[in-house]
Amino acid sequence: MVDPHSYTYEDKQTKRLRSHADAFRYSDAMERLAELRRDRPEQYDQLNPVSRISLGHYEIAKAAAVQLGRNVSAPTDREV
């Protein structure tokens, strides 16, 4: 019998990936922050650390959603 509480490394990684992907919600504000970091890094560097950390979490969740084949584009009026 397999112990349901013993996970292999791959199982832990899969669980973490799904958890991040499930947490992803499209955000215009986070997309603008990512654009600011890309286009005007000097202004981005002056933002408070909480904003930069939030963007990091958002991008991790977005990458996980992409890896699992989920839609990460902006919702249309019909999807809201």
PDB file of N, CA and C in Angstrom:
ATOM      1  N   MET A   1       0.836  -1.180   0.000  1.00  0.00           N
ATOM      2  CA  MET A   1       0.000   0.000   0.000  1.00  0.00           C
ATOM      3  C   MET A   1       0.884   1.248   0.000  1.00  0.00           C
ATOM      4  N   VAL A   2       0.517   2.221  -0.808  1.00  0.00           N
ATOM      5  CA  VAL A   2       1.285   3.453  -0.932  1.00  0.00           C
ATOM      6  C   VAL A   2       0.819   4.442   0.123  1.00  0.00           C
ATOM      7  N   ASP A   3       1.776   5.007   0.828  1.00  0.00           N
ATOM      8  CA  ASP A   3       1.458   6.004   1.844  1.00  0.00           C
ATOM      9  C   ASP A   3       1.074   7.310   1.142  1.00  0.00           C
ATOM     10  N   PRO A   4      -0.147   7.815   1.359  1.00  0.00           N
ATOM     11  CA  PRO A   4      -0.568   9.030   0.653  1.00  0.00           C
ATOM     12  C   PRO A   4       0.194  10.272   1.088  1.00  0.00           C
ATOM     13  N   HIS A   5       0.927  10.182   2.182  1.00  0.00           N
ATOM     14  CA  HIS A   5       1.665  11.338   2.669  1.00  0.00           C
ATOM     15  C   HIS A   5       3.118  11.351   2.224  1.00  0.00           C
ATOM     16  N   SER A   6       3.555  10.319   1.546  1.00  0.00           N
ATOM     17  CA  SER A   6       4.926  10.310   1.048  1.00  0.00           C
ATOM     18  C   SER A   6       4.906  10.644  -0.440  1.00  0.00           C
ATOM     19  N   TYR A   7       5.502  11.743  -0.754  1.00  0.00           N
ATOM     20  CA  TYR A   7       5.536  12.220  -2.132  1.00  0.00           C
ATOM     21  C   TYR A   7       6.948  12.091  -2.676  1.00  0.00           C
ATOM     22  N   THR A   8       7.024  11.848  -3.941  1.00  0.00           N
ATOM     23  CA  THR A   8       8.324  11.912  -4.585  1.00  0.00           C
ATOM     24  C   THR A   8       8.611  13.374  -4.871  1.00  0.00           C
ATOM     25  N   TYR A   9       9.844  13.671  -5.230  1.00  0.00           N
ATOM     26  CA  TYR A   9      10.221  15.048  -5.557  1.00  0.00           C
ATOM     27  C   TYR A   9       9.339  15.597  -6.675  1.00  0.00           C
ATOM     28  N   GLU A  10       9.079  14.771  -7.665  1.00  0.00           N
ATOM     29  CA  GLU A  10       8.254  15.204  -8.794  1.00  0.00           C
ATOM     30  C   GLU A  10       6.835  15.533  -8.339  1.00  0.00           C
ATOM     31  N   ASP A  11       6.289  14.752  -7.424  1.00  0.00           N
ATOM     32  CA  ASP A  11       4.949  15.029  -6.933  1.00  0.00           C
ATOM     33  C   ASP A  11       4.890  16.371  -6.214  1.00  0.00           C
ATOM     34  N   LYS A  12       5.913  16.685  -5.426  1.00  0.00           N
ATOM     35  CA  LYS A  12       5.964  17.973  -4.732  1.00  0.00           C
ATOM     36  C   LYS A  12       6.044  19.113  -5.737  1.00  0.00           C
ATOM     37  N   GLN A  13       6.850  18.934  -6.764  1.00  0.00           N
ATOM     38  CA  GLN A  13       6.984  19.971  -7.776  1.00  0.00           C
ATOM     39  C   GLN A  13       5.677  20.174  -8.541  1.00  0.00           C
ATOM     40  N   THR A  14       5.001  19.089  -8.856  1.00  0.00           N
ATOM     41  CA  THR A  14       3.727  19.181  -9.569  1.00  0.00           C
ATOM     42  C   THR A  14       2.685  19.873  -8.703  1.00  0.00           C
ATOM     43  N   LYS A  15       2.662  19.520  -7.432  1.00  0.00           N
ATOM     44  CA  LYS A  15       1.714  20.148  -6.514  1.00  0.00           C
ATOM     45  C   LYS A  15       1.981  21.644  -6.398  1.00  0.00           C
ATOM     46  N   ARG A  16       3.247  22.018  -6.286  1.00  0.00           N
ATOM     47  CA  ARG A  16       3.621  23.431  -6.197  1.00  0.00           C
ATOM     48  C   ARG A  16       3.242  24.166  -7.489  1.00  0.00           C
ATOM     49  N   LEU A  17       3.501  23.560  -8.628  1.00  0.00           N
ATOM     50  CA  LEU A  17       3.173  24.166  -9.908  1.00  0.00           C
ATOM     51  C   LEU A  17       1.667  24.415 -10.013  1.00  0.00           C
ATOM     52  N   ARG A  18       0.874  23.423  -9.670  1.00  0.00           N
ATOM     53  CA  ARG A  18      -0.590  23.581  -9.712  1.00  0.00           C
ATOM     54  C   ARG A  18      -1.059  24.657  -8.738  1.00  0.00           C
ATOM     55  N   SER A  19      -0.444  24.702  -7.572  1.00  0.00           N
ATOM     56  CA  SER A  19      -0.808  25.709  -6.572  1.00  0.00           C
ATOM     57  C   SER A  19      -0.546  27.112  -7.094  1.00  0.00           C
ATOM     58  N   HIS A  20       0.615  27.302  -7.703  1.00  0.00           N
ATOM     59  CA  HIS A  20       0.931  28.620  -8.277  1.00  0.00           C
ATOM     60  C   HIS A  20      -0.028  28.953  -9.412  1.00  0.00           C
ATOM     61  N   ALA A  21      -0.281  27.996 -10.274  1.00  0.00           N
ATOM     62  CA  ALA A  21      -1.167  28.238 -11.412  1.00  0.00           C
ATOM     63  C   ALA A  21      -2.590  28.556 -10.950  1.00  0.00           C
ATOM     64  N   ASP A  22      -3.048  27.872  -9.902  1.00  0.00           N
ATOM     65  CA  ASP A  22      -4.386  28.128  -9.375  1.00  0.00           C
ATOM     66  C   ASP A  22      -4.501  29.526  -8.775  1.00  0.00           C
ATOM     67  N   ALA A  23      -3.392  30.067  -8.291  1.00  0.00           N
ATOM     68  CA  ALA A  23      -3.400  31.392  -7.669  1.00  0.00           C
ATOM     69  C   ALA A  23      -3.404  32.511  -8.703  1.00  0.00           C
ATOM     70  N   PHE A  24      -3.117  32.197  -9.970  1.00  0.00           N
ATOM     71  CA  PHE A  24      -3.004  33.254 -10.971  1.00  0.00           C
ATOM     72  C   PHE A  24      -4.356  33.857 -11.310  1.00  0.00           C
ATOM     73  N   ARG A  25      -4.419  35.174 -11.238  1.00  0.00           N
ATOM     74  CA  ARG A  25      -5.560  35.970 -11.702  1.00  0.00           C
ATOM     75  C   ARG A  25      -4.978  37.127 -12.495  1.00  0.00           C
ATOM     76  N   TYR A  26      -5.428  37.310 -13.724  1.00  0.00           N
ATOM     77  CA  TYR A  26      -4.916  38.382 -14.559  1.00  0.00           C
ATOM     78  C   TYR A  26      -5.100  39.719 -13.850  1.00  0.00           C
ATOM     79  N   SER A  27      -4.075  40.561 -13.906  1.00  0.00           N
ATOM     80  CA  SER A  27      -4.126  41.867 -13.272  1.00  0.00           C
ATOM     81  C   SER A  27      -3.527  42.915 -14.203  1.00  0.00           C
ATOM     82  N   ASP A  28      -4.341  43.906 -14.545  1.00  0.00           N
ATOM     83  CA  ASP A  28      -3.836  45.007 -15.370  1.00  0.00           C
ATOM     84  C   ASP A  28      -2.706  45.741 -14.656  1.00  0.00           C
ATOM     85  N   ALA A  29      -2.845  45.928 -13.355  1.00  0.00           N
ATOM     86  CA  ALA A  29      -1.822  46.645 -12.595  1.00  0.00           C
ATOM     87  C   ALA A  29      -0.486  45.905 -12.636  1.00  0.00           C
ATOM     88  N   MET A  30      -0.515  44.601 -12.477  1.00  0.00           N
ATOM     89  CA  MET A  30       0.724  43.827 -12.511  1.00  0.00           C
ATOM     90  C   MET A  30       1.329  43.812 -13.917  1.00  0.00           C
ATOM     91  N   GLU A  31       0.482  43.769 -14.916  1.00  0.00           N
ATOM     92  CA  GLU A  31       0.979  43.822 -16.298  1.00  0.00           C
ATOM     93  C   GLU A  31       1.647  45.170 -16.577  1.00  0.00           C
ATOM     94  N   ARG A  32       1.079  46.237 -16.030  1.00  0.00           N
ATOM     95  CA  ARG A  32       1.700  47.565 -16.193  1.00  0.00           C
ATOM     96  C   ARG A  32       3.040  47.633 -15.451  1.00  0.00           C
ATOM     97  N   LEU A  33       3.111  47.010 -14.278  1.00  0.00           N
ATOM     98  CA  LEU A  33       4.388  46.974 -13.553  1.00  0.00           C
ATOM     99  C   LEU A  33       5.450  46.215 -14.345  1.00  0.00           C
ATOM    100  N   ALA A  34       5.059  45.106 -14.951  1.00  0.00           N
ATOM    101  CA  ALA A  34       6.001  44.332 -15.770  1.00  0.00           C
ATOM    102  C   ALA A  34       6.469  45.161 -16.963  1.00  0.00           C
ATOM    103  N   GLU A  35       5.552  45.902 -17.530  1.00  0.00           N
ATOM    104  CA  GLU A  35       5.902  46.787 -18.656  1.00  0.00           C
ATOM    105  C   GLU A  35       6.848  47.892 -18.194  1.00  0.00           C
ATOM    106  N   LEU A  36       6.594  48.456 -17.027  1.00  0.00           N
ATOM    107  CA  LEU A  36       7.456  49.494 -16.470  1.00  0.00           C
ATOM    108  C   LEU A  36       8.858  48.946 -16.245  1.00  0.00           C
ATOM    109  N   ARG A  37       8.965  47.734 -15.703  1.00  0.00           N
ATOM    110  CA  ARG A  37      10.278  47.133 -15.474  1.00  0.00           C
ATOM    111  C   ARG A  37      11.023  46.930 -16.783  1.00  0.00           C
ATOM    112  N   ARG A  38      10.285  46.543 -17.808  1.00  0.00           N
ATOM    113  CA  ARG A  38      10.898  46.283 -19.112  1.00  0.00           C
ATOM    114  C   ARG A  38      11.287  47.577 -19.821  1.00  0.00           C
ATOM    115  N   ASP A  39      10.392  48.578 -19.810  1.00  0.00           N
ATOM    116  CA  ASP A  39      10.596  49.781 -20.608  1.00  0.00           C
ATOM    117  C   ASP A  39      11.313  50.916 -19.878  1.00  0.00           C
ATOM    118  N   ARG A  40      11.135  51.012 -18.562  1.00  0.00           N
ATOM    119  CA  ARG A  40      11.742  52.106 -17.795  1.00  0.00           C
ATOM    120  C   ARG A  40      12.301  51.560 -16.474  1.00  0.00           C
ATOM    121  N   PRO A  41      13.372  50.788 -16.563  1.00  0.00           N
ATOM    122  CA  PRO A  41      13.921  50.142 -15.370  1.00  0.00           C
ATOM    123  C   PRO A  41      14.341  51.122 -14.270  1.00  0.00           C
ATOM    124  N   GLU A  42      14.746  52.323 -14.646  1.00  0.00           N
ATOM    125  CA  GLU A  42      15.159  53.301 -13.633  1.00  0.00           C
ATOM    126  C   GLU A  42      13.979  53.716 -12.757  1.00  0.00           C
ATOM    127  N   GLN A  43      12.792  53.840 -13.335  1.00  0.00           N
ATOM    128  CA  GLN A  43      11.597  54.146 -12.541  1.00  0.00           C
ATOM    129  C   GLN A  43      11.157  52.930 -11.735  1.00  0.00           C
ATOM    130  N   TYR A  44      11.250  51.762 -12.328  1.00  0.00           N
ATOM    131  CA  TYR A  44      10.874  50.531 -11.631  1.00  0.00           C
ATOM    132  C   TYR A  44      11.729  50.349 -10.380  1.00  0.00           C
ATOM    133  N   ASP A  45      13.011  50.636 -10.480  1.00  0.00           N
ATOM    134  CA  ASP A  45      13.919  50.471  -9.346  1.00  0.00           C
ATOM    135  C   ASP A  45      13.567  51.385  -8.175  1.00  0.00           C
ATOM    136  N   GLN A  46      12.820  52.444  -8.433  1.00  0.00           N
ATOM    137  CA  GLN A  46      12.436  53.373  -7.375  1.00  0.00           C
ATOM    138  C   GLN A  46      11.127  52.981  -6.683  1.00  0.00           C
ATOM    139  N   LEU A  47      10.448  51.966  -7.174  1.00  0.00           N
ATOM    140  CA  LEU A  47       9.207  51.513  -6.547  1.00  0.00           C
ATOM    141  C   LEU A  47       9.492  50.874  -5.193  1.00  0.00           C
ATOM    142  N   ASN A  48       8.461  50.832  -4.372  1.00  0.00           N
ATOM    143  CA  ASN A  48       8.660  50.208  -3.068  1.00  0.00           C
ATOM    144  C   ASN A  48       8.838  48.694  -3.238  1.00  0.00           C
ATOM    145  N   PRO A  49       9.533  48.074  -2.289  1.00  0.00           N
ATOM    146  CA  PRO A  49       9.823  46.644  -2.404  1.00  0.00           C
ATOM    147  C   PRO A  49       8.578  45.762  -2.462  1.00  0.00           C
ATOM    148  N   VAL A  50       7.507  46.164  -1.810  1.00  0.00           N
ATOM    149  CA  VAL A  50       6.294  45.341  -1.812  1.00  0.00           C
ATOM    150  C   VAL A  50       5.747  45.198  -3.230  1.00  0.00           C
ATOM    151  N   SER A  51       5.793  46.267  -4.004  1.00  0.00           N
ATOM    152  CA  SER A  51       5.320  46.206  -5.393  1.00  0.00           C
ATOM    153  C   SER A  51       6.177  45.256  -6.217  1.00  0.00           C
ATOM    154  N   ARG A  52       7.476  45.330  -6.018  1.00  0.00           N
ATOM    155  CA  ARG A  52       8.371  44.456  -6.787  1.00  0.00           C
ATOM    156  C   ARG A  52       8.201  42.992  -6.377  1.00  0.00           C
ATOM    157  N   ILE A  53       8.017  42.747  -5.087  1.00  0.00           N
ATOM    158  CA  ILE A  53       7.786  41.374  -4.613  1.00  0.00           C
ATOM    159  C   ILE A  53       6.462  40.851  -5.153  1.00  0.00           C
ATOM    160  N   SER A  54       5.437  41.693  -5.141  1.00  0.00           N
ATOM    161  CA  SER A  54       4.125  41.295  -5.668  1.00  0.00           C
ATOM    162  C   SER A  54       4.227  40.931  -7.141  1.00  0.00           C
ATOM    163  N   LEU A  55       4.984  41.708  -7.894  1.00  0.00           N
ATOM    164  CA  LEU A  55       5.175  41.398  -9.309  1.00  0.00           C
ATOM    165  C   LEU A  55       5.868  40.056  -9.470  1.00  0.00           C
ATOM    166  N   GLY A  56       6.839  39.770  -8.633  1.00  0.00           N
ATOM    167  CA  GLY A  56       7.526  38.486  -8.699  1.00  0.00           C
ATOM    168  C   GLY A  56       6.577  37.320  -8.465  1.00  0.00           C
ATOM    169  N   HIS A  57       5.726  37.439  -7.462  1.00  0.00           N
ATOM    170  CA  HIS A  57       4.742  36.386  -7.191  1.00  0.00           C
ATOM    171  C   HIS A  57       3.763  36.235  -8.359  1.00  0.00           C
ATOM    172  N   TYR A  58       3.342  37.367  -8.903  1.00  0.00           N
ATOM    173  CA  TYR A  58       2.415  37.354 -10.039  1.00  0.00           C
ATOM    174  C   TYR A  58       3.048  36.636 -11.231  1.00  0.00           C
ATOM    175  N   GLU A  59       4.305  36.952 -11.513  1.00  0.00           N
ATOM    176  CA  GLU A  59       4.971  36.343 -12.668  1.00  0.00           C
ATOM    177  C   GLU A  59       5.235  34.853 -12.464  1.00  0.00           C
ATOM    178  N   ILE A  60       5.507  34.439 -11.241  1.00  0.00           N
ATOM    179  CA  ILE A  60       5.675  33.007 -10.953  1.00  0.00           C
ATOM    180  C   ILE A  60       4.359  32.276 -11.202  1.00  0.00           C
ATOM    181  N   ALA A  61       3.265  32.856 -10.719  1.00  0.00           N
ATOM    182  CA  ALA A  61       1.952  32.238 -10.917  1.00  0.00           C
ATOM    183  C   ALA A  61       1.581  32.210 -12.399  1.00  0.00           C
ATOM    184  N   LYS A  62       1.896  33.275 -13.105  1.00  0.00           N
ATOM    185  CA  LYS A  62       1.584  33.342 -14.539  1.00  0.00           C
ATOM    186  C   LYS A  62       2.391  32.301 -15.316  1.00  0.00           C
ATOM    187  N   ALA A  63       3.665  32.171 -14.989  1.00  0.00           N
ATOM    188  CA  ALA A  63       4.509  31.178 -15.671  1.00  0.00           C
ATOM    189  C   ALA A  63       4.013  29.762 -15.403  1.00  0.00           C
ATOM    190  N   ALA A  64       3.567  29.508 -14.184  1.00  0.00           N
ATOM    191  CA  ALA A  64       3.027  28.183 -13.868  1.00  0.00           C
ATOM    192  C   ALA A  64       1.755  27.918 -14.658  1.00  0.00           C
ATOM    193  N   ALA A  65       0.907  28.931 -14.767  1.00  0.00           N
ATOM    194  CA  ALA A  65      -0.333  28.773 -15.541  1.00  0.00           C
ATOM    195  C   ALA A  65      -0.022  28.506 -17.013  1.00  0.00           C
ATOM    196  N   VAL A  66       0.955  29.214 -17.553  1.00  0.00           N
ATOM    197  CA  VAL A  66       1.364  28.990 -18.941  1.00  0.00           C
ATOM    198  C   VAL A  66       1.894  27.569 -19.105  1.00  0.00           C
ATOM    199  N   GLN A  67       2.701  27.126 -18.165  1.00  0.00           N
ATOM    200  CA  GLN A  67       3.278  25.779 -18.245  1.00  0.00           C
ATOM    201  C   GLN A  67       2.198  24.707 -18.230  1.00  0.00           C
ATOM    202  N   LEU A  68       1.100  24.970 -17.540  1.00  0.00           N
ATOM    203  CA  LEU A  68       0.002  23.999 -17.501  1.00  0.00           C
ATOM    204  C   LEU A  68      -1.011  24.218 -18.625  1.00  0.00           C
ATOM    205  N   GLY A  69      -0.714  25.141 -19.530  1.00  0.00           N
ATOM    206  CA  GLY A  69      -1.563  25.353 -20.694  1.00  0.00           C
ATOM    207  C   GLY A  69      -2.809  26.174 -20.432  1.00  0.00           C
ATOM    208  N   ARG A  70      -2.796  26.963 -19.397  1.00  0.00           N
ATOM    209  CA  ARG A  70      -3.963  27.783 -19.069  1.00  0.00           C
ATOM    210  C   ARG A  70      -3.898  29.130 -19.778  1.00  0.00           C
ATOM    211  N   ASN A  71      -5.042  29.738 -19.951  1.00  0.00           N
ATOM    212  CA  ASN A  71      -5.143  31.037 -20.594  1.00  0.00           C
ATOM    213  C   ASN A  71      -4.703  32.123 -19.616  1.00  0.00           C
ATOM    214  N   VAL A  72      -3.717  32.922 -19.998  1.00  0.00           N
ATOM    215  CA  VAL A  72      -3.229  33.995 -19.135  1.00  0.00           C
ATOM    216  C   VAL A  72      -3.447  35.372 -19.748  1.00  0.00           C
ATOM    217  N   SER A  73      -4.198  35.430 -20.838  1.00  0.00           N
ATOM    218  CA  SER A  73      -4.447  36.710 -21.479  1.00  0.00           C
ATOM    219  C   SER A  73      -5.534  37.482 -20.730  1.00  0.00           C
ATOM    220  N   ALA A  74      -5.635  38.758 -21.052  1.00  0.00           N
ATOM    221  CA  ALA A  74      -6.631  39.610 -20.412  1.00  0.00           C
ATOM    222  C   ALA A  74      -8.035  39.074 -20.712  1.00  0.00           C
ATOM    223  N   PRO A  75      -8.913  39.067 -19.719  1.00  0.00           N
ATOM    224  CA  PRO A  75     -10.276  38.575 -19.977  1.00  0.00           C
ATOM    225  C   PRO A  75     -11.028  39.540 -20.885  1.00  0.00           C
ATOM    226  N   THR A  76     -11.876  38.973 -21.702  1.00  0.00           N
ATOM    227  CA  THR A  76     -12.724  39.810 -22.551  1.00  0.00           C
ATOM    228  C   THR A  76     -14.011  40.134 -21.779  1.00  0.00           C
ATOM    229  N   ASP A  77     -14.838  40.998 -22.316  1.00  0.00           N
ATOM    230  CA  ASP A  77     -16.076  41.376 -21.645  1.00  0.00           C
ATOM    231  C   ASP A  77     -16.961  40.167 -21.377  1.00  0.00           C
ATOM    232  N   ARG A  78     -16.925  39.193 -22.266  1.00  0.00           N
ATOM    233  CA  ARG A  78     -17.772  38.000 -22.096  1.00  0.00           C
ATOM    234  C   ARG A  78     -17.265  37.077 -21.002  1.00  0.00           C
ATOM    235  N   GLU A  79     -15.961  37.153 -20.683  1.00  0.00           N
ATOM    236  CA  GLU A  79     -15.386  36.263 -19.676  1.00  0.00           C
ATOM    237  C   GLU A  79     -15.522  36.828 -18.262  1.00  0.00           C
ATOM    238  N   VAL A  80     -15.835  38.106 -18.143  1.00  0.00           N
ATOM    239  CA  VAL A  80     -15.886  38.740 -16.817  1.00  0.00           C
ATOM    240  C   VAL A  80     -17.159  38.416 -16.117  1.00  0.00           C
TER     241      VAL A  80
END
